[in-house]
């Protein structure tokens, strides 16, 4: 960068400097989204009146449609663990998707004892009559999307971006369901990352959205 294009920095002192520091601290208190988010992703958060994830924290939803919630503030150890996991997927897109599965298992293990979701079961919904220990598919879609957005902010993806969530259940006899999505950069193929059909510490389903929408 040449001198003409360098940002101008001025030294603030006294009351003006104190006012600036106060304003900056107020901004720092407001959670910032991990990236500029699409309307499809934003709907996951506005629909339940929570903030999108930031680079340092995310709201974890459980209890069915986020009726229960807990903040996950990522520690340095958390970030190091996820960075190690995602480093195993640097060779190609398929390896990166496998690494994402491991990252979701890490999330399950990290939050299970805190929330009580270490008792959760596959495909839980209101019929399980145990909302305090379970996720429905809205919760898993929101949580998985948030986790992936955080990792995207940390530049841990080489082959994918976080995509818009997808929904199915429009055809006769198909159960309504939704999933988090990864978009493969090179091919533009969308990949479902679906934790809801799996129990505690089991890897989420990963398949193309084209296949996922035909499942039940």
Protein backbone atom coordinates (compact mmCIF):
# COMPACT_ATOMS: atom_id res chain seq x y z
CA UNK A 1 0.00 0.00 0.00
CA UNK A 2 1.46 3.39 -0.96
CA UNK A 3 1.46 6.40 1.37
CA UNK A 4 -1.44 8.06 -0.43
CA UNK A 5 -3.72 5.09 0.27
CA UNK A 6 -2.69 4.42 3.85
CA UNK A 7 -5.46 5.03 6.40
CA UNK A 8 -5.03 8.21 8.41
CA UNK A 9 -4.66 7.58 12.14
CA UNK A 10 -5.02 10.42 14.60
CA UNK A 11 -4.29 10.40 18.30
CA UNK A 12 -7.33 11.06 20.48
CA UNK A 13 -6.85 12.45 23.96
CA UNK A 14 -8.96 13.73 26.83
CA UNK A 15 -12.76 13.74 26.63
CA UNK A 16 -12.85 13.01 22.91
CA UNK A 17 -10.75 9.91 23.37
CA UNK A 18 -12.89 8.73 26.27
CA UNK A 19 -16.06 9.22 24.21
CA UNK A 20 -14.59 7.24 21.33
CA UNK A 21 -13.62 4.40 23.69
CA UNK A 22 -17.14 4.34 25.12
CA UNK A 23 -18.74 4.16 21.67
CA UNK A 24 -16.40 1.35 20.61
CA UNK A 25 -17.16 -0.61 23.76
CA UNK A 26 -20.89 -0.35 23.04
CA UNK A 27 -20.36 -1.72 19.55
CA UNK A 28 -18.26 -4.55 20.98
CA UNK A 29 -21.16 -5.56 23.25
CA UNK A 30 -23.44 -6.22 20.26
CA UNK A 31 -22.93 -9.67 18.69
CA UNK A 32 -21.84 -9.31 15.08
CA UNK A 33 -22.74 -11.86 12.40
CA UNK A 34 -19.97 -14.16 11.23
CA UNK A 35 -20.32 -12.85 7.68
CA UNK A 36 -22.78 -11.07 5.44
CA UNK A 37 -25.67 -13.50 5.56
CA UNK A 38 -28.28 -14.38 2.97
CA UNK A 39 -31.95 -13.83 3.74
CA UNK A 40 -32.40 -17.61 3.89
CA UNK A 41 -29.81 -17.97 6.62
CA UNK A 42 -30.94 -14.83 8.46
CA UNK A 43 -34.44 -16.28 8.69
CA UNK A 44 -33.06 -19.03 10.92
CA UNK A 45 -32.22 -16.39 13.53
CA UNK A 46 -34.92 -13.75 13.10
CA UNK A 47 -37.64 -16.41 13.30
CA UNK A 48 -36.65 -17.19 16.90
CA UNK A 49 -35.37 -13.71 17.84
CA UNK A 50 -31.71 -14.55 18.38
CA UNK A 51 -28.50 -13.05 17.04
CA UNK A 52 -26.58 -14.80 14.26
CA UNK A 53 -23.26 -16.26 15.40
CA UNK A 54 -20.16 -14.12 15.71
CA UNK A 55 -16.53 -15.14 15.38
CA UNK A 56 -16.44 -15.81 19.11
CA UNK A 57 -19.89 -17.08 20.13
CA UNK A 58 -23.13 -18.69 18.98
CA UNK A 59 -26.53 -19.36 20.46
CA UNK A 60 -27.20 -23.09 20.79
CA UNK A 61 -30.86 -23.97 20.35
CA UNK A 62 -32.58 -27.01 21.85
CA UNK A 63 -35.93 -27.94 23.34
CA UNK A 64 -37.65 -27.83 19.91
CA UNK A 65 -37.69 -24.68 17.78
CA UNK A 66 -35.19 -22.98 20.11
CA UNK A 67 -37.53 -22.80 23.09
CA UNK A 68 -34.43 -23.51 25.19
CA UNK A 69 -31.10 -21.87 24.42
CA UNK A 70 -27.55 -21.57 25.71
CA UNK A 71 -24.58 -19.44 24.65
CA UNK A 72 -21.44 -21.19 23.44
CA UNK A 73 -18.51 -18.83 23.89
CA UNK A 74 -15.63 -20.34 21.95
CA UNK A 75 -12.44 -20.63 23.98
CA UNK A 76 -8.94 -20.72 22.53
CA UNK A 77 -8.99 -24.48 23.15
CA UNK A 78 -12.28 -24.81 21.23
CA UNK A 79 -10.87 -22.95 18.26
CA UNK A 80 -7.68 -25.01 18.32
CA UNK A 81 -9.69 -28.25 18.42
CA UNK A 82 -11.89 -27.28 15.47
CA UNK A 83 -8.88 -26.04 13.53
CA UNK A 84 -7.17 -29.42 14.01
CA UNK A 85 -10.31 -31.25 12.93
CA UNK A 86 -10.77 -29.18 9.78
CA UNK A 87 -7.08 -29.50 8.90
CA UNK A 88 -7.75 -33.20 8.22
CA UNK A 89 -9.92 -32.17 5.27
CA UNK A 90 -7.50 -29.99 3.30
CA UNK A 91 -6.81 -32.49 0.51
CA UNK A 92 -10.13 -32.33 -1.37
CA UNK A 93 -13.82 -31.46 -1.05
CA UNK A 94 -14.89 -34.93 0.05
CA UNK A 95 -12.28 -34.91 2.83
CA UNK A 96 -13.48 -31.49 3.93
CA UNK A 97 -17.06 -32.74 4.21
CA UNK A 98 -15.82 -35.66 6.30
CA UNK A 99 -14.01 -33.16 8.53
CA UNK A 100 -17.25 -31.20 8.93
CA UNK A 101 -18.92 -34.39 10.17
CA UNK A 102 -16.20 -34.68 12.82
CA UNK A 103 -16.66 -31.01 13.74
CA UNK A 104 -20.38 -31.58 14.31
CA UNK A 105 -19.58 -34.58 16.51
CA UNK A 106 -17.18 -32.30 18.43
CA UNK A 107 -20.06 -29.84 18.92
CA UNK A 108 -22.35 -32.63 20.13
CA UNK A 109 -19.75 -33.74 22.69
CA UNK A 110 -18.95 -30.14 23.72
CA UNK A 111 -22.55 -29.16 24.43
CA UNK A 112 -24.14 -32.49 25.40
CA UNK A 113 -23.18 -32.50 29.10
CA UNK A 114 -24.02 -28.79 29.43
CA UNK A 115 -27.49 -28.98 27.88
CA UNK A 116 -28.38 -32.55 28.75
CA UNK A 117 -28.49 -33.39 25.03
CA UNK A 118 -26.06 -36.24 25.68
CA UNK A 119 -29.35 -38.07 26.31
CA UNK A 120 -30.82 -37.05 22.98
CA UNK A 121 -32.22 -39.52 20.47
CA UNK A 122 -32.38 -39.62 16.69
CA UNK A 123 -35.33 -37.98 14.93
CA UNK A 124 -36.67 -36.40 18.12
CA UNK A 125 -39.84 -34.33 17.94
CA UNK A 126 -42.72 -33.48 20.27
CA UNK A 127 -43.78 -37.13 20.30
CA UNK A 128 -40.59 -37.97 22.21
CA UNK A 129 -42.07 -35.99 25.15
CA UNK A 130 -38.56 -35.02 26.23
CA UNK A 131 -37.87 -31.57 24.86
CA UNK A 132 -35.35 -30.69 27.59
CA UNK A 133 -32.86 -33.28 26.29
CA UNK A 134 -33.44 -33.10 22.55
CA UNK A 135 -33.12 -31.19 19.32
CA UNK A 136 -35.77 -31.10 16.65
CA UNK A 137 -34.74 -30.59 13.03
CA UNK A 138 -35.09 -26.82 13.37
CA UNK A 139 -32.60 -26.86 16.24
CA UNK A 140 -30.09 -29.05 14.40
CA UNK A 141 -30.39 -26.97 11.23
CA UNK A 142 -29.82 -23.76 13.16
CA UNK A 143 -26.98 -25.11 15.30
CA UNK A 144 -25.12 -26.80 12.45
CA UNK A 145 -25.45 -23.71 10.26
CA UNK A 146 -24.14 -21.54 13.11
CA UNK A 147 -21.17 -23.82 13.77
CA UNK A 148 -20.27 -23.83 10.08
CA UNK A 149 -20.61 -20.04 9.87
CA UNK A 150 -18.18 -19.68 12.77
CA UNK A 151 -15.69 -22.00 11.09
CA UNK A 152 -16.14 -20.11 7.83
CA UNK A 153 -15.30 -16.88 9.64
CA UNK A 154 -12.14 -18.55 10.93
CA UNK A 155 -11.21 -19.42 7.30
CA UNK A 156 -11.30 -23.15 7.98
CA UNK A 157 -13.07 -23.98 4.70
CA UNK A 158 -11.03 -24.48 1.55
CA UNK A 159 -13.62 -26.10 -0.73
CA UNK A 160 -17.03 -25.00 0.58
CA UNK A 161 -19.16 -22.10 1.73
CA UNK A 162 -22.16 -22.22 4.03
CA UNK A 163 -25.31 -22.44 1.92
CA UNK A 164 -28.97 -21.69 2.51
CA UNK A 165 -30.90 -24.26 4.55
CA UNK A 166 -33.14 -26.58 2.55
CA UNK A 167 -36.58 -27.96 3.25
CA UNK A 168 -38.53 -31.01 2.17
CA UNK A 169 -41.96 -32.42 2.82
CA UNK A 170 -43.84 -30.86 -0.05
CA UNK A 171 -44.76 -34.19 -1.63
CA UNK A 172 -47.62 -36.38 -0.41
CA UNK A 173 -46.51 -38.72 2.35
CA UNK A 174 -43.14 -37.05 2.96
CA UNK A 175 -42.41 -35.84 6.49
CA UNK A 176 -41.55 -32.10 6.68
CA UNK A 177 -37.89 -31.66 7.48
CA UNK A 178 -35.01 -29.20 7.03
CA UNK A 179 -31.22 -29.26 7.01
CA UNK A 180 -28.06 -27.18 7.07
CA UNK A 181 -26.19 -26.97 3.76
CA UNK A 182 -22.66 -26.65 2.44
CA UNK A 183 -22.11 -25.29 -1.08
CA UNK A 184 -19.13 -26.78 -2.90
CA UNK A 185 -17.29 -23.87 -4.50
CA UNK A 186 -15.94 -25.61 -7.62
CA UNK A 187 -19.07 -27.50 -8.65
CA UNK A 188 -21.82 -25.40 -6.99
CA UNK A 189 -23.30 -28.66 -5.72
CA UNK A 190 -25.25 -28.29 -2.47
CA UNK A 191 -24.57 -30.81 0.29
CA UNK A 192 -26.96 -31.46 3.18
CA UNK A 193 -25.34 -31.72 6.63
CA UNK A 194 -28.18 -33.23 8.65
CA UNK A 195 -27.70 -34.15 12.32
CA UNK A 196 -31.35 -34.70 13.23
CA UNK A 197 -31.64 -38.32 11.96
CA UNK A 198 -28.68 -39.38 14.14
CA UNK A 199 -28.28 -39.93 17.87
CA UNK A 200 -25.73 -38.47 20.26
CA UNK A 201 -22.14 -38.51 18.93
CA UNK A 202 -23.18 -40.10 15.64
CA UNK A 203 -21.95 -38.34 12.48
CA UNK A 204 -24.54 -36.25 10.66
CA UNK A 205 -25.85 -37.42 7.31
CA UNK A 206 -23.93 -35.80 4.46
CA UNK A 207 -25.38 -36.18 0.98
CA UNK A 208 -26.26 -34.01 -1.98
CA UNK A 209 -29.36 -31.91 -1.46
CA UNK A 210 -30.71 -33.45 -4.67
CA UNK A 211 -30.64 -36.84 -2.94
CA UNK A 212 -31.70 -35.48 0.45
CA UNK A 213 -34.96 -34.02 -0.84
CA UNK A 214 -36.04 -37.50 -1.98
CA UNK A 215 -35.46 -39.09 1.44
CA UNK A 216 -38.09 -39.51 4.15
